[in-house]
Amino acid sequence: MNKVSAYFKESYDELVNKVSWPTWGELQESTIIVMIASMLIALLIYVVDIAGSSVLGFFYQLFQ
């Protein structure tokens, strides 16, 4: 039980004293970058899906 207690104390000490947390401004910038990147990736996947659907639809119509 002593090891578990020491683990939590050391973990808390590391989080409070050794970890460098981002500032509020840095956090906002990172959030905006992630949102933009997510939208671009979603748009890319949408375009690829629509193009693939169109190509397969055309291909299937050739054999009907």
N, C-alpha and C. Protein backbone atom coordinates (compact mmCIF):
# COMPACT_ATOMS: atom_id res chain seq x y z
N MET A 1 0.83 -1.20 0.00
CA MET A 1 0.00 0.00 0.00
C MET A 1 0.87 1.26 0.00
N ASN A 2 2.03 1.14 0.59
CA ASN A 2 2.94 2.28 0.65
C ASN A 2 3.44 2.66 -0.74
N LYS A 3 3.62 1.66 -1.61
CA LYS A 3 4.08 1.94 -2.98
C LYS A 3 3.00 2.67 -3.77
N VAL A 4 1.76 2.30 -3.57
CA VAL A 4 0.65 2.96 -4.27
C VAL A 4 0.56 4.42 -3.83
N SER A 5 0.68 4.65 -2.55
CA SER A 5 0.63 6.01 -2.02
C SER A 5 1.79 6.84 -2.57
N ALA A 6 2.98 6.25 -2.60
CA ALA A 6 4.15 6.96 -3.13
C ALA A 6 3.97 7.27 -4.61
N TYR A 7 3.37 6.34 -5.34
CA TYR A 7 3.13 6.55 -6.77
C TYR A 7 2.23 7.77 -7.00
N PHE A 8 1.14 7.85 -6.25
CA PHE A 8 0.23 8.98 -6.42
C PHE A 8 0.87 10.30 -5.99
N LYS A 9 1.65 10.28 -4.94
CA LYS A 9 2.34 11.51 -4.50
C LYS A 9 3.34 11.97 -5.54
N GLU A 10 4.12 11.04 -6.09
CA GLU A 10 5.11 11.40 -7.10
C GLU A 10 4.44 11.86 -8.40
N SER A 11 3.35 11.22 -8.75
CA SER A 11 2.61 11.63 -9.95
C SER A 11 2.06 13.04 -9.80
N TYR A 12 1.50 13.33 -8.64
CA TYR A 12 0.97 14.67 -8.39
C TYR A 12 2.09 15.70 -8.43
N ASP A 13 3.22 15.39 -7.80
CA ASP A 13 4.36 16.30 -7.78
C ASP A 13 4.85 16.58 -9.20
N GLU A 14 4.91 15.55 -10.02
CA GLU A 14 5.37 15.73 -11.39
C GLU A 14 4.40 16.59 -12.18
N LEU A 15 3.11 16.35 -12.04
CA LEU A 15 2.12 17.14 -12.77
C LEU A 15 2.11 18.61 -12.35
N VAL A 16 2.34 18.86 -11.07
CA VAL A 16 2.29 20.23 -10.57
C VAL A 16 3.60 20.98 -10.82
N ASN A 17 4.73 20.33 -10.63
CA ASN A 17 6.00 21.04 -10.64
C ASN A 17 6.87 20.83 -11.88
N LYS A 18 6.68 19.76 -12.61
CA LYS A 18 7.59 19.46 -13.71
C LYS A 18 6.98 19.59 -15.09
N VAL A 19 5.67 19.49 -15.20
CA VAL A 19 5.01 19.57 -16.50
C VAL A 19 4.82 21.03 -16.86
N SER A 20 5.15 21.37 -18.13
CA SER A 20 4.90 22.74 -18.58
C SER A 20 3.57 22.76 -19.32
N TRP A 21 2.59 23.40 -18.72
CA TRP A 21 1.25 23.45 -19.28
C TRP A 21 1.15 24.62 -20.26
N PRO A 22 0.39 24.47 -21.35
CA PRO A 22 0.25 25.56 -22.31
C PRO A 22 -0.58 26.71 -21.72
N THR A 23 -0.30 27.88 -22.24
CA THR A 23 -1.09 29.04 -21.82
C THR A 23 -2.46 28.98 -22.50
N TRP A 24 -3.37 29.84 -22.04
CA TRP A 24 -4.71 29.86 -22.61
C TRP A 24 -4.67 30.23 -24.09
N GLY A 25 -3.80 31.16 -24.44
CA GLY A 25 -3.67 31.56 -25.85
C GLY A 25 -3.14 30.44 -26.72
N GLU A 26 -2.14 29.72 -26.23
CA GLU A 26 -1.60 28.59 -26.98
C GLU A 26 -2.66 27.50 -27.16
N LEU A 27 -3.45 27.30 -26.13
CA LEU A 27 -4.51 26.30 -26.19
C LEU A 27 -5.56 26.67 -27.23
N GLN A 28 -5.91 27.96 -27.30
CA GLN A 28 -6.89 28.41 -28.28
C GLN A 28 -6.35 28.26 -29.70
N GLU A 29 -5.07 28.61 -29.91
CA GLU A 29 -4.46 28.46 -31.23
C GLU A 29 -4.45 27.00 -31.66
N SER A 30 -4.08 26.13 -30.77
CA SER A 30 -4.03 24.70 -31.09
C SER A 30 -5.43 24.18 -31.42
N THR A 31 -6.42 24.64 -30.70
CA THR A 31 -7.79 24.20 -30.95
C THR A 31 -8.25 24.63 -32.33
N ILE A 32 -7.95 25.85 -32.71
CA ILE A 32 -8.34 26.35 -34.03
C ILE A 32 -7.64 25.56 -35.12
N ILE A 33 -6.36 25.27 -34.94
CA ILE A 33 -5.61 24.50 -35.93
C ILE A 33 -6.21 23.10 -36.09
N VAL A 34 -6.55 22.46 -34.98
CA VAL A 34 -7.13 21.12 -35.03
C VAL A 34 -8.50 21.16 -35.70
N MET A 35 -9.30 22.19 -35.43
CA MET A 35 -10.62 22.30 -36.06
C MET A 35 -10.49 22.46 -37.57
N ILE A 36 -9.58 23.31 -38.01
CA ILE A 36 -9.39 23.54 -39.44
C ILE A 36 -8.88 22.28 -40.12
N ALA A 37 -7.91 21.61 -39.50
CA ALA A 37 -7.37 20.38 -40.07
C ALA A 37 -8.46 19.31 -40.15
N SER A 38 -9.29 19.21 -39.13
CA SER A 38 -10.38 18.22 -39.14
C SER A 38 -11.37 18.50 -40.26
N MET A 39 -11.70 19.77 -40.47
CA MET A 39 -12.62 20.12 -41.54
C MET A 39 -12.02 19.81 -42.91
N LEU A 40 -10.74 20.10 -43.09
CA LEU A 40 -10.10 19.81 -44.37
C LEU A 40 -10.04 18.31 -44.65
N ILE A 41 -9.73 17.53 -43.64
CA ILE A 41 -9.68 16.08 -43.81
C ILE A 41 -11.08 15.53 -44.12
N ALA A 42 -12.09 16.04 -43.42
CA ALA A 42 -13.47 15.61 -43.68
C ALA A 42 -13.88 15.97 -45.11
N LEU A 43 -13.51 17.16 -45.55
CA LEU A 43 -13.83 17.58 -46.92
C LEU A 43 -13.13 16.69 -47.94
N LEU A 44 -11.88 16.35 -47.69
CA LEU A 44 -11.13 15.48 -48.58
C LEU A 44 -11.79 14.09 -48.66
N ILE A 45 -12.17 13.55 -47.53
CA ILE A 45 -12.83 12.25 -47.51
C ILE A 45 -14.17 12.32 -48.25
N TYR A 46 -14.90 13.41 -48.09
CA TYR A 46 -16.17 13.60 -48.79
C TYR A 46 -15.97 13.61 -50.30
N VAL A 47 -14.97 14.36 -50.75
CA VAL A 47 -14.70 14.45 -52.19
C VAL A 47 -14.30 13.09 -52.75
N VAL A 48 -13.44 12.37 -52.04
CA VAL A 48 -13.02 11.04 -52.50
C VAL A 48 -14.23 10.10 -52.52
N ASP A 49 -15.10 10.19 -51.54
CA ASP A 49 -16.29 9.33 -51.50
C ASP A 49 -17.22 9.63 -52.67
N ILE A 50 -17.46 10.90 -52.94
CA ILE A 50 -18.34 11.28 -54.05
C ILE A 50 -17.72 10.84 -55.38
N ALA A 51 -16.42 11.05 -55.54
CA ALA A 51 -15.76 10.65 -56.79
C ALA A 51 -15.81 9.13 -56.96
N GLY A 52 -15.54 8.39 -55.90
CA GLY A 52 -15.59 6.94 -55.99
C GLY A 52 -16.99 6.44 -56.30
N SER A 53 -17.98 7.07 -55.69
CA SER A 53 -19.37 6.69 -55.95
C SER A 53 -19.74 6.95 -57.40
N SER A 54 -19.30 8.07 -57.94
CA SER A 54 -19.61 8.41 -59.33
C SER A 54 -18.92 7.43 -60.28
N VAL A 55 -17.67 7.12 -60.02
CA VAL A 55 -16.93 6.20 -60.88
C VAL A 55 -17.57 4.81 -60.83
N LEU A 56 -17.90 4.33 -59.65
CA LEU A 56 -18.53 3.02 -59.54
C LEU A 56 -19.92 3.01 -60.17
N GLY A 57 -20.67 4.09 -60.00
CA GLY A 57 -21.99 4.18 -60.63
C GLY A 57 -21.88 4.12 -62.14
N PHE A 58 -20.92 4.83 -62.71
CA PHE A 58 -20.70 4.79 -64.15
C PHE A 58 -20.28 3.39 -64.59
N PHE A 59 -19.42 2.76 -63.82
CA PHE A 59 -18.94 1.41 -64.13
C PHE A 59 -20.08 0.40 -64.10
N TYR A 60 -20.95 0.49 -63.12
CA TYR A 60 -22.08 -0.43 -63.02
C TYR A 60 -23.09 -0.23 -64.14
N GLN A 61 -23.24 1.00 -64.60
CA GLN A 61 -24.17 1.27 -65.69
C GLN A 61 -23.70 0.66 -67.01
N LEU A 62 -22.40 0.46 -67.14
CA LEU A 62 -21.88 -0.15 -68.37
C LEU A 62 -22.36 -1.59 -68.51
N PHE A 63 -22.65 -2.27 -67.41
CA PHE A 63 -22.99 -3.68 -67.47
C PHE A 63 -24.47 -3.95 -67.25
N GLN A 64 -25.30 -2.94 -67.32
CA GLN A 64 -26.74 -3.17 -67.16
C GLN A 64 -27.43 -3.33 -68.48
